[in-house]
């Protein structure tokens, strides 16, 4: 099955904090783009939930954004490492801070492909 998303997501792994009221849960990205990302986590939120995501980029620039959960797949903890897509796909709605840093980061990984 081909990926119909535009812009294309790029494989990139880094740690993020996320949550509904405050970003108090930890996840790891699997792929990112200018419009969204996949968060690998045991703790998932239901589709259509708005969440806050906070992370530091490789250059220590902070990014804080709001995203909507588009889909989620929760698996038991003992199967987490066996299931390829356990977590949630999110679409970025708006940035609270660090938008210019995130855009530069995405452009750099796009050019690196």
N, C-alpha and C. Protein backbone atom coordinates (compact mmCIF):
# COMPACT_ATOMS: atom_id res chain seq x y z
N UNK A 1 0.85 -1.18 0.00
CA UNK A 1 0.00 0.00 0.00
C UNK A 1 0.89 1.24 0.00
N UNK A 2 0.65 2.17 -0.88
CA UNK A 2 1.47 3.36 -0.97
C UNK A 2 1.01 4.42 0.02
N UNK A 3 1.94 5.26 0.41
CA UNK A 3 1.66 6.34 1.34
C UNK A 3 1.07 7.50 0.55
N UNK A 4 -0.18 7.89 0.86
CA UNK A 4 -0.88 8.93 0.12
C UNK A 4 -0.71 10.31 0.74
N UNK A 5 0.01 10.38 1.86
CA UNK A 5 0.18 11.66 2.54
C UNK A 5 1.10 12.57 1.75
N UNK A 6 0.84 13.85 1.87
CA UNK A 6 1.72 14.84 1.29
C UNK A 6 1.85 15.96 2.32
N UNK A 7 2.98 16.42 2.69
CA UNK A 7 4.29 15.99 2.25
C UNK A 7 4.68 14.63 2.82
N UNK A 8 5.68 14.03 2.21
CA UNK A 8 6.15 12.70 2.59
C UNK A 8 6.73 12.73 4.00
N UNK A 9 6.45 11.67 4.74
CA UNK A 9 7.04 11.52 6.06
C UNK A 9 8.42 10.89 5.91
N UNK A 10 9.32 11.29 6.80
CA UNK A 10 10.69 10.78 6.79
C UNK A 10 10.98 10.10 8.12
N UNK A 11 11.63 8.96 8.06
CA UNK A 11 11.97 8.22 9.27
C UNK A 11 12.94 9.05 10.11
N UNK A 12 12.53 9.31 11.34
CA UNK A 12 13.36 10.07 12.27
C UNK A 12 12.89 9.72 13.67
N UNK A 13 13.81 9.33 14.53
CA UNK A 13 13.47 8.92 15.89
C UNK A 13 14.04 9.90 16.91
N UNK A 14 13.15 10.47 17.71
CA UNK A 14 13.57 11.28 18.85
C UNK A 14 12.46 11.25 19.89
N UNK A 15 12.81 11.59 21.10
CA UNK A 15 11.90 11.54 22.23
C UNK A 15 11.01 12.79 22.28
N UNK A 16 9.73 12.59 22.60
CA UNK A 16 8.80 13.70 22.79
C UNK A 16 8.02 13.47 24.08
N UNK A 17 7.49 14.54 24.61
CA UNK A 17 6.55 14.48 25.72
C UNK A 17 5.20 14.93 25.17
N UNK A 18 4.13 14.25 25.59
CA UNK A 18 2.81 14.60 25.08
C UNK A 18 1.76 14.40 26.17
N UNK A 19 0.59 14.98 25.97
CA UNK A 19 -0.53 14.80 26.88
C UNK A 19 -1.67 15.73 26.50
N UNK A 20 -2.81 15.49 27.13
CA UNK A 20 -4.00 16.30 26.82
C UNK A 20 -3.91 17.67 27.50
N UNK A 21 -3.78 17.69 28.80
CA UNK A 21 -3.68 18.95 29.54
C UNK A 21 -2.23 19.45 29.60
N UNK A 22 -1.34 18.54 29.90
CA UNK A 22 0.08 18.85 29.95
C UNK A 22 0.87 17.69 29.35
N UNK A 23 2.04 17.99 28.88
CA UNK A 23 2.86 16.97 28.20
C UNK A 23 3.63 16.16 29.24
N UNK A 24 2.96 15.17 29.83
CA UNK A 24 3.58 14.39 30.91
C UNK A 24 3.79 12.91 30.56
N UNK A 25 3.57 12.53 29.32
CA UNK A 25 3.83 11.16 28.87
C UNK A 25 4.94 11.18 27.83
N UNK A 26 5.65 10.06 27.72
CA UNK A 26 6.79 10.00 26.81
C UNK A 26 6.48 9.09 25.63
N UNK A 27 6.94 9.50 24.46
CA UNK A 27 6.81 8.69 23.24
C UNK A 27 8.07 8.93 22.40
N UNK A 28 8.19 8.15 21.34
CA UNK A 28 9.27 8.33 20.38
C UNK A 28 8.66 8.47 19.00
N UNK A 29 9.20 9.38 18.21
CA UNK A 29 8.73 9.50 16.84
C UNK A 29 9.28 8.35 16.02
N UNK A 30 8.52 7.94 15.03
CA UNK A 30 8.99 6.96 14.04
C UNK A 30 9.23 7.67 12.72
N UNK A 31 8.33 8.60 12.40
CA UNK A 31 8.48 9.39 11.19
C UNK A 31 7.87 10.77 11.42
N UNK A 32 8.36 11.75 10.66
CA UNK A 32 7.89 13.13 10.82
C UNK A 32 7.77 13.81 9.46
N UNK A 33 6.93 14.82 9.41
CA UNK A 33 6.83 15.69 8.24
C UNK A 33 6.41 17.06 8.73
N UNK A 34 6.28 18.00 7.82
CA UNK A 34 5.82 19.35 8.20
C UNK A 34 4.39 19.35 8.73
N UNK A 35 3.61 18.32 8.41
CA UNK A 35 2.19 18.31 8.78
C UNK A 35 1.82 17.31 9.86
N UNK A 36 2.72 16.38 10.21
CA UNK A 36 2.35 15.40 11.22
C UNK A 36 3.49 14.47 11.57
N UNK A 37 3.17 13.49 12.43
CA UNK A 37 4.18 12.52 12.87
C UNK A 37 3.50 11.29 13.44
N UNK A 38 4.26 10.21 13.51
CA UNK A 38 3.79 9.01 14.17
C UNK A 38 4.51 8.90 15.50
N UNK A 39 3.75 8.75 16.59
CA UNK A 39 4.31 8.62 17.93
C UNK A 39 4.16 7.19 18.40
N UNK A 40 5.26 6.56 18.68
CA UNK A 40 5.27 5.18 19.19
C UNK A 40 5.19 5.25 20.71
N UNK A 41 4.09 4.68 21.26
CA UNK A 41 3.88 4.77 22.70
C UNK A 41 2.88 3.71 23.15
N UNK A 42 3.04 3.24 24.39
CA UNK A 42 2.03 2.37 24.99
C UNK A 42 0.79 3.17 25.36
N UNK A 43 0.98 4.44 25.66
CA UNK A 43 -0.12 5.32 26.06
C UNK A 43 -0.63 6.06 24.84
N UNK A 44 -1.82 5.71 24.39
CA UNK A 44 -2.38 6.39 23.23
C UNK A 44 -3.66 7.12 23.62
N UNK A 45 -3.96 8.15 22.88
CA UNK A 45 -5.19 8.91 23.07
C UNK A 45 -6.16 8.53 21.95
N UNK A 46 -7.46 8.61 22.20
CA UNK A 46 -8.43 8.27 21.17
C UNK A 46 -8.35 9.21 19.96
N UNK A 47 -8.71 8.72 18.78
CA UNK A 47 -8.74 9.59 17.60
C UNK A 47 -9.60 10.83 17.86
N UNK A 48 -9.18 11.92 17.28
CA UNK A 48 -9.83 13.23 17.36
C UNK A 48 -9.47 14.00 18.62
N UNK A 49 -8.64 13.42 19.50
CA UNK A 49 -8.20 14.11 20.70
C UNK A 49 -7.13 15.13 20.34
N UNK A 50 -7.22 16.33 20.91
CA UNK A 50 -6.16 17.32 20.74
C UNK A 50 -5.14 17.10 21.85
N UNK A 51 -3.86 17.03 21.46
CA UNK A 51 -2.80 16.83 22.43
C UNK A 51 -1.71 17.89 22.29
N UNK A 52 -0.99 18.09 23.36
CA UNK A 52 0.16 18.99 23.38
C UNK A 52 1.41 18.12 23.23
N UNK A 53 2.32 18.53 22.38
CA UNK A 53 3.57 17.79 22.16
C UNK A 53 4.73 18.76 22.36
N UNK A 54 5.71 18.32 23.15
CA UNK A 54 6.91 19.13 23.41
C UNK A 54 8.14 18.27 23.16
N UNK A 55 9.15 18.87 22.52
CA UNK A 55 10.40 18.14 22.30
C UNK A 55 11.53 19.10 21.99
N UNK A 56 12.74 18.58 22.11
CA UNK A 56 13.94 19.32 21.75
C UNK A 56 14.49 18.72 20.47
N UNK A 57 14.86 19.57 19.54
CA UNK A 57 15.51 19.10 18.32
C UNK A 57 16.98 18.85 18.59
N UNK A 58 17.68 18.28 17.63
CA UNK A 58 19.09 17.92 17.80
C UNK A 58 19.96 19.11 18.19
N UNK A 59 19.58 20.30 17.76
CA UNK A 59 20.35 21.50 18.08
C UNK A 59 19.87 22.17 19.37
N UNK A 60 19.09 21.44 20.17
CA UNK A 60 18.59 21.90 21.47
C UNK A 60 17.51 22.98 21.38
N UNK A 61 16.96 23.21 20.19
CA UNK A 61 15.85 24.14 20.06
C UNK A 61 14.56 23.47 20.50
N UNK A 62 13.78 24.17 21.31
CA UNK A 62 12.54 23.63 21.85
C UNK A 62 11.38 23.87 20.88
N UNK A 63 10.52 22.84 20.76
CA UNK A 63 9.32 22.95 19.93
C UNK A 63 8.13 22.53 20.79
N UNK A 64 7.09 23.35 20.77
CA UNK A 64 5.84 23.05 21.48
C UNK A 64 4.71 23.24 20.47
N UNK A 65 3.88 22.20 20.33
CA UNK A 65 2.81 22.29 19.34
C UNK A 65 1.54 21.59 19.82
N UNK A 66 0.47 21.87 19.13
CA UNK A 66 -0.81 21.21 19.36
C UNK A 66 -1.10 20.34 18.14
N UNK A 67 -1.56 19.12 18.39
CA UNK A 67 -1.84 18.20 17.29
C UNK A 67 -3.15 17.46 17.57
N UNK A 68 -3.71 16.89 16.51
CA UNK A 68 -4.92 16.08 16.63
C UNK A 68 -4.56 14.63 16.32
N UNK A 69 -5.01 13.72 17.18
CA UNK A 69 -4.79 12.30 16.95
C UNK A 69 -5.71 11.87 15.80
N UNK A 70 -5.11 11.37 14.73
CA UNK A 70 -5.88 10.95 13.56
C UNK A 70 -6.26 9.48 13.65
N UNK A 71 -5.36 8.68 14.22
CA UNK A 71 -5.63 7.25 14.43
C UNK A 71 -4.73 6.77 15.56
N UNK A 72 -5.16 5.70 16.21
CA UNK A 72 -4.38 5.15 17.32
C UNK A 72 -4.52 3.64 17.34
N UNK A 73 -3.44 2.99 17.73
CA UNK A 73 -3.44 1.53 17.85
C UNK A 73 -2.79 1.17 19.18
N UNK A 74 -3.59 0.71 20.11
CA UNK A 74 -3.09 0.33 21.43
C UNK A 74 -2.89 -1.18 21.46
N UNK A 75 -1.73 -1.59 21.92
CA UNK A 75 -1.42 -3.01 22.03
C UNK A 75 -0.99 -3.32 23.45
N UNK A 76 -1.18 -4.55 23.91
CA UNK A 76 -0.71 -4.91 25.25
C UNK A 76 0.80 -4.72 25.38
N UNK A 77 1.23 -4.39 26.58
CA UNK A 77 2.65 -4.11 26.81
C UNK A 77 3.55 -5.26 26.38
N UNK A 78 3.12 -6.50 26.60
CA UNK A 78 3.98 -7.64 26.25
C UNK A 78 4.10 -7.84 24.73
N UNK A 79 3.25 -7.20 23.94
CA UNK A 79 3.32 -7.32 22.48
C UNK A 79 3.85 -6.05 21.80
N UNK A 80 4.14 -5.02 22.60
CA UNK A 80 4.51 -3.71 22.07
C UNK A 80 5.66 -3.78 21.08
N UNK A 81 6.70 -4.54 21.37
CA UNK A 81 7.87 -4.59 20.49
C UNK A 81 7.67 -5.50 19.29
N UNK A 82 6.59 -6.27 19.27
CA UNK A 82 6.32 -7.15 18.14
C UNK A 82 5.44 -6.50 17.07
N UNK A 83 4.67 -5.50 17.48
CA UNK A 83 3.73 -4.85 16.56
C UNK A 83 4.40 -3.62 15.96
N UNK A 84 4.39 -3.52 14.64
CA UNK A 84 5.12 -2.46 13.96
C UNK A 84 4.55 -1.07 14.25
N UNK A 85 3.28 -0.88 14.12
CA UNK A 85 2.68 0.45 14.30
C UNK A 85 1.81 0.49 15.56
N UNK A 86 2.45 0.48 16.72
CA UNK A 86 1.71 0.62 17.96
C UNK A 86 1.96 2.03 18.48
N UNK A 87 0.92 2.82 18.50
CA UNK A 87 1.03 4.22 18.88
C UNK A 87 -0.05 5.02 18.20
N UNK A 88 0.28 6.24 17.76
CA UNK A 88 -0.74 7.09 17.14
C UNK A 88 -0.14 8.02 16.10
N UNK A 89 -0.93 8.23 15.07
CA UNK A 89 -0.58 9.18 14.03
C UNK A 89 -1.25 10.50 14.36
N UNK A 90 -0.49 11.59 14.33
CA UNK A 90 -1.04 12.89 14.68
C UNK A 90 -0.81 13.89 13.55
N UNK A 91 -1.73 14.82 13.44
CA UNK A 91 -1.62 15.92 12.48
C UNK A 91 -1.38 17.20 13.26
N UNK A 92 -0.38 17.96 12.86
CA UNK A 92 -0.05 19.21 13.54
C UNK A 92 -1.12 20.25 13.23
N UNK A 93 -1.65 20.86 14.29
CA UNK A 93 -2.66 21.90 14.14
C UNK A 93 -2.05 23.30 14.21
N UNK A 94 -1.24 23.52 15.26
CA UNK A 94 -0.60 24.83 15.40
C UNK A 94 0.59 24.72 16.33
N UNK A 95 1.50 25.66 16.18
CA UNK A 95 2.70 25.71 17.00
C UNK A 95 2.51 26.76 18.10
N UNK A 96 2.99 26.42 19.29
CA UNK A 96 3.03 27.40 20.38
C UNK A 96 4.40 28.07 20.38
N UNK A 97 5.44 27.32 20.02
CA UNK A 97 6.79 27.87 19.90
C UNK A 97 7.64 26.92 19.06
N UNK A 98 8.68 27.48 18.45
CA UNK A 98 9.64 26.68 17.72
C UNK A 98 9.26 26.28 16.30
N UNK A 99 8.25 26.92 15.73
CA UNK A 99 7.82 26.54 14.38
C UNK A 99 8.94 26.69 13.36
N UNK A 100 9.67 27.80 13.42
CA UNK A 100 10.74 28.03 12.44
C UNK A 100 11.84 26.98 12.57
N UNK A 101 12.13 26.55 13.80
CA UNK A 101 13.14 25.50 14.01
C UNK A 101 12.67 24.16 13.45
N UNK A 102 11.39 23.85 13.67
CA UNK A 102 10.84 22.58 13.17
C UNK A 102 10.82 22.56 11.65
N UNK A 103 10.43 23.68 11.03
CA UNK A 103 10.41 23.75 9.56
C UNK A 103 11.82 23.56 8.99
N UNK A 104 12.80 24.19 9.60
CA UNK A 104 14.18 24.05 9.15
C UNK A 104 14.64 22.60 9.29
N UNK A 105 14.30 21.98 10.43
CA UNK A 105 14.64 20.59 10.68
C UNK A 105 14.04 19.68 9.61
N UNK A 106 12.75 19.86 9.30
CA UNK A 106 12.09 19.03 8.28
C UNK A 106 12.70 19.25 6.91
N UNK A 107 13.04 20.48 6.59
CA UNK A 107 13.68 20.75 5.30
C UNK A 107 15.04 20.07 5.21
N UNK A 108 15.80 20.08 6.31
CA UNK A 108 17.11 19.43 6.32
C UNK A 108 17.01 17.91 6.13
N UNK A 109 16.03 17.27 6.79
CA UNK A 109 15.92 15.81 6.61
C UNK A 109 15.36 15.47 5.23
N UNK A 110 14.58 16.36 4.65
CA UNK A 110 14.08 16.13 3.29
C UNK A 110 15.24 16.20 2.29
N UNK A 111 16.12 17.18 2.46
CA UNK A 111 17.26 17.32 1.55
C UNK A 111 18.27 16.20 1.74
N UNK A 112 18.31 15.61 2.93
CA UNK A 112 19.25 14.53 3.21
C UNK A 112 18.87 13.21 2.58
N UNK A 113 17.67 13.09 2.02
CA UNK A 113 17.21 11.83 1.42
C UNK A 113 17.74 11.65 0.02
